[in-house]
């Protein structure tokens, strides 16, 4: 399972990572992505779920 983020670039240089969905990898390596909202920029960032640690923007 993977997490899907939109990265909101801010003027102060402290970008905001907003989780907006989940992705599941299929046997053939393709992804099924389920979004809870649509990013205004049209850009998505998909990364492995890292349970128990702070996510994004590290």
N, C-alpha and C. Protein backbone atom coordinates (compact mmCIF):
# COMPACT_ATOMS: atom_id res chain seq x y z
N UNK A 1 0.85 -1.17 0.00
CA UNK A 1 0.00 0.00 0.00
C UNK A 1 0.89 1.24 0.00
N UNK A 2 0.46 2.25 -0.71
CA UNK A 2 1.21 3.50 -0.82
C UNK A 2 0.29 4.67 -0.46
N UNK A 3 0.89 5.77 -0.06
CA UNK A 3 0.13 6.99 0.23
C UNK A 3 0.30 7.96 -0.93
N UNK A 4 -0.75 8.73 -1.20
CA UNK A 4 -0.73 9.71 -2.28
C UNK A 4 -0.82 11.09 -1.67
N UNK A 5 0.08 11.97 -2.09
CA UNK A 5 0.15 13.33 -1.55
C UNK A 5 0.09 14.35 -2.68
N UNK A 6 -0.35 15.54 -2.33
CA UNK A 6 -0.14 16.73 -3.14
C UNK A 6 0.81 17.60 -2.31
N UNK A 7 1.82 18.17 -2.95
CA UNK A 7 2.78 19.02 -2.25
C UNK A 7 2.46 20.47 -2.59
N UNK A 8 2.08 21.22 -1.57
CA UNK A 8 1.70 22.62 -1.76
C UNK A 8 2.93 23.47 -1.47
N UNK A 9 3.45 24.13 -2.50
CA UNK A 9 4.64 24.95 -2.35
C UNK A 9 4.27 26.29 -1.71
N UNK A 10 4.99 26.62 -0.64
CA UNK A 10 4.72 27.87 0.07
C UNK A 10 5.88 28.83 -0.10
N UNK A 11 5.61 30.10 0.01
CA UNK A 11 6.63 31.13 -0.19
C UNK A 11 7.74 31.08 0.85
N UNK A 12 7.44 30.61 2.05
CA UNK A 12 8.45 30.56 3.11
C UNK A 12 9.38 29.35 2.97
N UNK A 13 9.20 28.53 1.92
CA UNK A 13 10.06 27.39 1.68
C UNK A 13 9.67 26.14 2.45
N UNK A 14 8.67 26.22 3.31
CA UNK A 14 8.21 25.07 4.09
C UNK A 14 6.99 24.47 3.40
N UNK A 15 7.27 23.60 2.43
CA UNK A 15 6.19 23.00 1.65
C UNK A 15 5.29 22.16 2.53
N UNK A 16 4.01 22.14 2.19
CA UNK A 16 3.00 21.39 2.94
C UNK A 16 2.66 20.13 2.16
N UNK A 17 2.81 18.98 2.80
CA UNK A 17 2.46 17.70 2.20
C UNK A 17 1.08 17.31 2.71
N UNK A 18 0.11 17.26 1.81
CA UNK A 18 -1.26 16.92 2.18
C UNK A 18 -1.60 15.55 1.61
N UNK A 19 -1.88 14.59 2.49
CA UNK A 19 -2.28 13.26 2.03
C UNK A 19 -3.68 13.34 1.46
N UNK A 20 -3.84 12.86 0.22
CA UNK A 20 -5.14 12.95 -0.44
C UNK A 20 -5.66 11.61 -0.93
N UNK A 21 -4.94 10.52 -0.64
CA UNK A 21 -5.44 9.24 -1.11
C UNK A 21 -4.50 8.09 -0.84
N UNK A 22 -4.82 6.95 -1.47
CA UNK A 22 -4.09 5.71 -1.29
C UNK A 22 -3.90 5.06 -2.65
N UNK A 23 -2.78 4.35 -2.79
CA UNK A 23 -2.52 3.62 -4.03
C UNK A 23 -2.17 2.18 -3.71
N UNK A 24 -2.58 1.27 -4.58
CA UNK A 24 -2.29 -0.14 -4.43
C UNK A 24 -1.59 -0.63 -5.69
N UNK A 25 -0.49 -1.34 -5.51
CA UNK A 25 0.26 -1.86 -6.65
C UNK A 25 -0.31 -3.19 -7.09
N UNK A 26 -0.52 -3.33 -8.39
CA UNK A 26 -1.03 -4.56 -8.98
C UNK A 26 0.12 -5.52 -9.28
N UNK A 27 -0.20 -6.75 -9.58
CA UNK A 27 0.82 -7.77 -9.87
C UNK A 27 1.72 -7.37 -11.03
N UNK A 28 1.17 -6.63 -11.99
CA UNK A 28 1.96 -6.25 -13.16
C UNK A 28 2.75 -4.95 -12.95
N UNK A 29 2.73 -4.39 -11.72
CA UNK A 29 3.48 -3.17 -11.42
C UNK A 29 2.69 -1.89 -11.61
N UNK A 30 1.51 -1.98 -12.21
CA UNK A 30 0.67 -0.78 -12.37
C UNK A 30 0.05 -0.41 -11.02
N UNK A 31 -0.53 0.79 -10.94
CA UNK A 31 -1.13 1.26 -9.70
C UNK A 31 -2.60 1.55 -9.86
N UNK A 32 -3.39 1.22 -8.84
CA UNK A 32 -4.75 1.72 -8.71
C UNK A 32 -4.69 2.81 -7.66
N UNK A 33 -5.14 4.02 -8.02
CA UNK A 33 -5.05 5.17 -7.11
C UNK A 33 -6.45 5.63 -6.77
N UNK A 34 -6.71 5.78 -5.47
CA UNK A 34 -8.00 6.22 -4.97
C UNK A 34 -7.81 7.56 -4.26
N UNK A 35 -8.42 8.61 -4.81
CA UNK A 35 -8.25 9.96 -4.26
C UNK A 35 -9.47 10.38 -3.47
N UNK A 36 -9.22 11.11 -2.37
CA UNK A 36 -10.29 11.70 -1.57
C UNK A 36 -10.62 13.11 -2.04
N UNK A 37 -9.71 13.71 -2.80
CA UNK A 37 -9.93 15.04 -3.37
C UNK A 37 -9.02 15.18 -4.59
N UNK A 38 -9.23 16.21 -5.38
CA UNK A 38 -8.43 16.44 -6.58
C UNK A 38 -7.42 17.55 -6.32
N UNK A 39 -6.16 17.33 -6.70
CA UNK A 39 -5.16 18.38 -6.51
C UNK A 39 -5.37 19.50 -7.54
N UNK A 40 -5.22 20.73 -7.09
CA UNK A 40 -5.38 21.87 -8.00
C UNK A 40 -4.23 21.98 -8.98
N UNK A 41 -3.05 21.50 -8.60
CA UNK A 41 -1.89 21.59 -9.48
C UNK A 41 -1.84 20.49 -10.52
N UNK A 42 -2.59 19.41 -10.29
CA UNK A 42 -2.55 18.27 -11.20
C UNK A 42 -1.37 17.35 -10.94
N UNK A 43 -0.54 17.65 -9.93
CA UNK A 43 0.63 16.84 -9.61
C UNK A 43 0.35 15.98 -8.38
N UNK A 44 0.73 14.72 -8.48
CA UNK A 44 0.59 13.79 -7.36
C UNK A 44 1.96 13.25 -7.00
N UNK A 45 2.15 12.94 -5.72
CA UNK A 45 3.38 12.31 -5.25
C UNK A 45 2.96 11.02 -4.55
N UNK A 46 3.47 9.88 -5.04
CA UNK A 46 3.12 8.58 -4.47
C UNK A 46 4.37 8.00 -3.81
N UNK A 47 4.22 7.58 -2.54
CA UNK A 47 5.36 6.97 -1.85
C UNK A 47 4.88 5.84 -0.96
N UNK A 48 5.82 4.93 -0.68
CA UNK A 48 5.53 3.78 0.17
C UNK A 48 5.01 4.26 1.52
N UNK A 49 4.02 3.55 2.04
CA UNK A 49 3.52 3.86 3.37
C UNK A 49 4.58 3.43 4.38
N UNK A 50 4.90 4.32 5.30
CA UNK A 50 5.92 4.05 6.30
C UNK A 50 5.26 4.15 7.66
N UNK A 51 4.64 3.06 8.08
CA UNK A 51 3.87 3.04 9.33
C UNK A 51 4.71 3.44 10.53
N UNK A 52 4.15 4.28 11.37
CA UNK A 52 4.78 4.65 12.62
C UNK A 52 5.74 5.82 12.54
N UNK A 53 6.02 6.33 11.35
CA UNK A 53 6.93 7.46 11.22
C UNK A 53 6.20 8.64 10.61
N UNK A 54 6.74 9.83 10.84
CA UNK A 54 6.19 11.04 10.24
C UNK A 54 6.28 10.91 8.73
N UNK A 55 5.23 11.29 8.02
CA UNK A 55 5.18 11.15 6.57
C UNK A 55 5.36 12.50 5.89
N UNK A 56 6.08 12.46 4.78
CA UNK A 56 6.20 13.61 3.91
C UNK A 56 6.97 14.77 4.50
N UNK A 57 7.56 15.57 3.64
CA UNK A 57 8.22 16.80 4.01
C UNK A 57 9.40 16.64 4.95
N UNK A 58 9.95 15.44 5.05
CA UNK A 58 11.03 15.20 6.00
C UNK A 58 12.35 15.64 5.45
